[in-house]
Every structure is written in structure tokens, then in C-alpha cells.
Amino acid sequence: MKITALELQTSHPAELKAFYTQVLGLPLLSEDDQSFSIKAGYSTLTFRTADTSQKGGYHLAFHLPGHKIQEAAAWIQDRVAFLYEPGATAPVVEHENWQAKSLYFYDPAYNLLEFISHSTTPASSTTFGPEQLTGIAEVGLPVTDVAGFAQELREKFELPRWKSATALFEAVGDAEGLLIVVQAQRPWFPTQNPALPLPMHVVVQTPALNRVAHDSFVIESDQTGIQV
């Protein structure tokens, strides 16, 4: 599964545009009075201006090539403040069951961002830079019924469950792209910030074309092509 487009809302468009284009170095695709879009590999990330007092709350991850996490940490360490796993002395978090390593930090609106490198992802010999953010790897979907909503996603898009699941957490998809279904108000790892069901629009490439609407967010298939 690929996450090809993601639209989020913000009341801080200027700060976010500066962060994603200047700090992360991602190219600006378009902008108008109501929104701006940036490119991260095969994914488009759009922030739409909204009059909201909510500051942050979204969670999304960006793919890195395999075995690039330490190089990514060195590249971004002077640009952001890392979020540490409780008790850790280094910012890299190892997800052994997922065969992946991650870095966590906030954007200026306190959205929780993650760089993730799966060991199964092809490596790159290129020096690390913005072009190594090859796509949106994950997006968080807080709901009240994790098992029920995850099952709906799996059935309608013909997706597998990723690894194990609990009543509070289930990942749907594969190492190429994951929909992270979590219990609303559950803290986002590695913070104590609650997962909030905020408005978003997610476009995915999946084996089956479909559309799922759930409260404040919508997930729908990319009509330009189906993943083989």
C-alpha cells in the first residue's frame, strides 16, 4: 500500500510552510490563500488553513531508505529537537518486531513527525538529504473502536494487518504504507500527547478501490492506479 496524498488542517500555515520547505527541504508544489502542498517522494502533503484552536495532534511518518536512520539523525539534529523514548539516551528508537528504526520530533504546530527506516527497504548510497524522504510511510487514525475500524479498512481495501494488534492499536497495510489505527486519547508514542480524531483526507493505492468515511476523516483509493 502507498499513501499518495494526505491533507491536514492547520491554523499556522506560514510556520508550517517554512518548516517543511526550509527545515526539511521538501519542494513546494503549490499554494493559494487557503492551502499549500509539498512533495515527499511519491506523496503529496497538503495543509489547509482552518480556524481552529487545536495546536497539533496529527501523526505522520516519512520513509527513509534502508539503514539510513543514523545518517538522517546527523542531518537533522541541528534542525529539530528529538523526542526520546522514556529512559533512552539516544534518539533512535528500534522497533524490533517491525524490523525498523525511527526518529521522532515535532513540527511547529506540534504535529508528531517520524522518520522511519525499515530494514527490508532498499538501501541508498546517496548522501542523506530531503530527496531521501521517499514518501509518507504512516498516518495516525484515532478512533473509538480500533478493532472494528481496522477490520473495515482491511476488508474494503483488501489490506493485511501489519504484525500484531491490541484493543488500543492496530496497523493496517504493509512496510510500504501503514494506516495506524489507535484508540482516541491514547498517548502518541513517545509522548504523552493524546491521539485526537482531527479532520484529514488520505489517498492510498490499494488492491481494491473504495472509500471509507469516519467522523472527521476520509480514506479513499487513488483512482489513477491500483497497486499490483
Protein backbone atom coordinates (compact mmCIF):
# COMPACT_ATOMS: atom_id res chain seq x y z
CA MET A 1 0.00 0.00 0.00
CA LYS A 2 1.16 3.53 -0.75
CA ILE A 3 -0.07 6.75 0.83
CA THR A 4 -0.03 9.04 -2.19
CA ALA A 5 -1.71 12.14 -0.73
CA LEU A 6 -2.54 13.47 2.72
CA GLU A 7 -4.45 16.65 3.55
CA LEU A 8 -4.41 18.06 7.09
CA GLN A 9 -5.71 21.25 8.67
CA THR A 10 -3.76 23.97 10.43
CA SER A 11 -4.15 27.42 11.88
CA HIS A 12 -0.40 28.00 11.43
CA PRO A 13 0.16 27.79 7.66
CA ALA A 14 3.10 30.20 7.44
CA GLU A 15 5.12 28.45 10.15
CA LEU A 16 4.43 25.04 8.66
CA LYS A 17 5.28 26.07 5.11
CA ALA A 18 8.62 27.43 6.31
CA PHE A 19 9.34 24.26 8.29
CA TYR A 20 8.54 21.74 5.58
CA THR A 21 10.24 23.65 2.77
CA GLN A 22 13.21 25.18 4.60
CA VAL A 23 13.94 22.90 7.57
CA LEU A 24 13.05 19.59 5.90
CA GLY A 25 13.89 20.94 2.45
CA LEU A 26 10.86 19.47 0.70
CA PRO A 27 9.78 21.12 -2.58
CA LEU A 28 6.70 23.36 -2.61
CA LEU A 29 4.26 22.10 -5.23
CA SER A 30 1.55 24.73 -4.99
CA GLU A 31 -0.05 27.30 -2.71
CA ASP A 32 -3.01 29.66 -2.59
CA ASP A 33 -4.87 31.66 0.03
CA GLN A 34 -6.30 28.53 1.63
CA SER A 35 -3.62 25.85 1.38
CA PHE A 36 -0.12 24.79 0.38
CA SER A 37 1.22 21.44 -0.83
CA ILE A 38 4.68 19.95 -0.62
CA LYS A 39 6.20 16.84 -2.22
CA ALA A 40 7.86 13.99 -0.36
CA GLY A 41 8.83 11.37 -2.91
CA TYR A 42 5.69 9.80 -4.34
CA SER A 43 3.48 11.51 -1.72
CA THR A 44 1.85 14.94 -1.64
CA LEU A 45 1.27 16.58 1.75
CA THR A 46 -1.24 19.45 1.88
CA PHE A 47 -2.06 21.74 4.79
CA ARG A 48 -5.38 23.56 4.53
CA THR A 49 -5.94 26.66 6.64
CA ALA A 50 -8.68 26.28 9.23
CA ASP A 51 -9.85 28.46 12.10
CA THR A 52 -9.07 26.10 14.94
CA SER A 53 -7.66 26.50 18.42
CA GLN A 54 -6.26 22.97 18.28
CA LYS A 55 -2.46 23.10 18.09
CA GLY A 56 -1.07 19.95 16.56
CA GLY A 57 -2.29 16.46 17.17
CA TYR A 58 -1.63 14.70 13.85
CA HIS A 59 0.89 11.90 13.48
CA LEU A 60 2.62 11.04 10.21
CA ALA A 61 5.84 9.31 9.25
CA PHE A 62 8.18 9.65 6.29
CA HIS A 63 10.00 6.74 4.65
CA LEU A 64 13.79 6.62 4.57
CA PRO A 65 15.89 4.17 2.55
CA GLY A 66 17.08 1.11 4.43
CA HIS A 67 19.84 1.58 7.02
CA LYS A 68 19.77 5.40 6.76
CA ILE A 69 18.49 6.26 10.24
CA GLN A 70 21.85 7.27 11.75
CA GLU A 71 22.71 9.41 8.76
CA ALA A 72 19.26 11.02 8.95
CA ALA A 73 19.79 11.75 12.65
CA ALA A 74 23.08 13.50 11.92
CA TRP A 75 21.47 15.51 9.10
CA ILE A 76 18.50 16.77 11.12
CA GLN A 77 19.91 17.02 14.66
CA ASP A 78 20.57 20.76 14.41
CA ARG A 79 17.20 21.46 12.80
CA VAL A 80 14.74 19.88 15.27
CA ALA A 81 14.52 18.77 18.90
CA PHE A 82 14.33 14.97 19.05
CA LEU A 83 11.71 13.22 21.16
CA TYR A 84 13.25 10.41 23.21
CA GLU A 85 11.83 7.07 24.20
CA PRO A 86 11.44 7.00 28.02
CA GLY A 87 14.80 6.12 29.57
CA ALA A 88 16.71 6.39 26.29
CA THR A 89 19.98 8.29 25.89
CA ALA A 90 19.90 8.35 22.07
CA PRO A 91 17.08 9.48 19.78
CA VAL A 92 16.91 6.42 17.51
CA VAL A 93 14.08 4.08 18.51
CA GLU A 94 14.34 0.45 17.43
CA HIS A 95 11.08 -1.34 16.60
CA GLU A 96 12.35 -4.90 16.66
CA ASN A 97 9.09 -6.58 15.69
CA TRP A 98 8.75 -4.27 12.69
CA GLN A 99 12.43 -4.56 11.68
CA ALA A 100 12.58 -0.77 11.61
CA LYS A 101 14.23 2.19 13.31
CA SER A 102 12.71 5.64 13.86
CA LEU A 103 13.33 9.24 14.86
CA TYR A 104 10.56 11.37 16.37
CA PHE A 105 10.15 15.17 16.55
CA TYR A 106 7.51 17.90 16.29
CA ASP A 107 6.76 20.37 13.55
CA PRO A 108 5.99 23.97 14.64
CA ALA A 109 2.30 23.13 15.15
CA TYR A 110 3.20 20.17 17.40
CA ASN A 111 2.21 17.53 14.91
CA LEU A 112 4.20 14.40 15.73
CA LEU A 113 6.55 13.55 12.86
CA GLU A 114 8.59 10.40 12.38
CA PHE A 115 11.40 9.31 10.09
CA ILE A 116 11.27 5.52 9.72
CA SER A 117 13.72 3.16 8.03
CA HIS A 118 12.64 -0.46 7.51
CA SER A 119 15.48 -2.93 7.13
CA THR A 120 13.59 -4.51 4.23
CA THR A 121 13.56 -1.21 2.30
CA PRO A 122 16.27 -0.91 -0.39
CA ALA A 123 19.36 0.95 0.78
CA SER A 124 20.81 4.04 -0.87
CA SER A 125 24.44 5.07 -1.37
CA THR A 126 23.43 8.71 -1.83
CA THR A 127 24.37 11.20 0.90
CA PHE A 128 21.30 11.88 3.04
CA GLY A 129 19.14 14.87 2.12
CA PRO A 130 15.50 15.83 1.52
CA GLU A 131 15.29 13.64 -1.58
CA GLN A 132 15.74 10.61 0.71
CA LEU A 133 12.29 11.25 2.20
CA THR A 134 10.77 8.90 -0.32
CA GLY A 135 7.10 9.03 0.70
CA ILE A 136 4.62 9.20 3.55
CA ALA A 137 5.04 5.91 5.43
CA GLU A 138 2.30 6.19 8.06
CA VAL A 139 -0.67 8.27 9.13
CA GLY A 140 -2.39 8.01 12.50
CA LEU A 141 -6.15 7.44 12.68
CA PRO A 142 -7.59 7.81 16.20
CA VAL A 143 -10.99 6.11 16.65
CA THR A 144 -13.21 4.82 19.45
CA ASP A 145 -13.40 1.25 18.09
CA VAL A 146 -9.94 0.17 16.95
CA ALA A 147 -10.76 -3.43 16.05
CA GLY A 148 -13.95 -2.55 14.18
CA PHE A 149 -12.45 0.28 12.14
CA ALA A 150 -9.27 -1.65 11.34
CA GLN A 151 -11.41 -4.55 10.11
CA GLU A 152 -13.39 -2.17 7.89
CA LEU A 153 -10.17 -0.85 6.35
CA ARG A 154 -8.79 -4.33 5.78
CA GLU A 155 -11.98 -5.59 4.16
CA LYS A 156 -12.80 -2.58 1.97
CA PHE A 157 -9.26 -2.00 0.69
CA GLU A 158 -8.16 -5.67 0.77
CA LEU A 159 -5.24 -4.93 3.06
CA PRO A 160 -3.47 -7.14 5.61
CA ARG A 161 -2.99 -6.50 9.30
CA TRP A 162 0.61 -5.47 9.96
CA LYS A 163 2.20 -7.59 12.69
CA SER A 164 0.24 -7.96 15.94
CA ALA A 165 -2.73 -5.95 17.19
CA THR A 166 -4.30 -4.96 20.52
CA ALA A 167 -7.56 -3.36 21.56
CA LEU A 168 -5.77 0.02 21.54
CA PHE A 169 -3.54 -0.27 18.47
CA GLU A 170 -3.60 -1.90 15.04
CA ALA A 171 -1.57 -1.13 11.92
CA VAL A 172 -3.19 -1.88 8.56
CA GLY A 173 -1.14 -2.23 5.38
CA ASP A 174 2.48 -3.20 4.89
CA ALA A 175 6.01 -1.83 5.21
CA GLU A 176 5.38 0.37 2.16
CA GLY A 177 2.48 2.19 3.81
CA LEU A 178 0.58 1.87 7.08
CA LEU A 179 -2.68 3.22 8.46
CA ILE A 180 -2.07 3.42 12.21
CA VAL A 181 -5.42 2.87 13.93
CA VAL A 182 -5.27 3.83 17.61
CA GLN A 183 -7.67 4.39 20.46
CA ALA A 184 -8.66 8.06 20.63
CA GLN A 185 -6.97 9.84 23.57
CA ARG A 186 -4.27 7.17 23.77
CA PRO A 187 -0.88 8.97 24.01
CA TRP A 188 1.16 9.07 20.83
CA PHE A 189 4.46 7.26 21.38
CA PRO A 190 6.92 8.52 22.60
CA THR A 191 4.94 11.48 24.04
CA GLN A 192 2.07 11.98 26.45
CA ASN A 193 0.04 13.91 23.86
CA PRO A 194 -3.38 12.34 23.26
CA ALA A 195 -4.33 10.99 19.84
CA LEU A 196 -7.14 13.24 18.59
CA PRO A 197 -9.56 12.47 15.72
CA LEU A 198 -8.82 15.59 13.67
CA PRO A 199 -10.01 16.32 10.10
CA MET A 200 -7.91 14.71 7.38
CA HIS A 201 -8.16 13.28 3.87
CA VAL A 202 -5.96 10.29 2.99
CA VAL A 203 -5.48 8.93 -0.54
CA VAL A 204 -4.00 5.45 -0.87
CA GLN A 205 -3.03 2.96 -3.56
CA THR A 206 -4.58 -0.34 -2.54
CA PRO A 207 -5.59 -3.66 -4.16
CA ALA A 208 -9.27 -2.62 -4.05
CA LEU A 209 -10.80 0.75 -4.94
CA ASN A 210 -13.03 2.01 -2.16
CA ARG A 211 -13.80 4.88 0.21
CA VAL A 212 -14.16 4.94 3.99
CA ALA A 213 -15.55 7.96 5.84
CA HIS A 214 -15.26 8.02 9.62
CA ASP A 215 -16.27 11.07 11.63
CA SER A 216 -13.70 13.75 10.77
CA PHE A 217 -11.52 11.88 8.27
CA VAL A 218 -11.83 10.18 4.89
CA ILE A 219 -9.65 7.47 3.36
CA GLU A 220 -10.10 6.73 -0.33
CA SER A 221 -8.34 4.84 -3.09
CA ASP A 222 -6.15 6.55 -5.65
CA GLN A 223 -8.17 6.43 -8.87
CA THR A 224 -5.08 6.81 -11.08
CA GLY A 225 -3.89 3.29 -10.45
CA ILE A 226 -4.05 0.22 -8.26
CA GLN A 227 -1.07 -1.28 -6.55
CA VAL A 228 -0.06 -4.64 -8.06
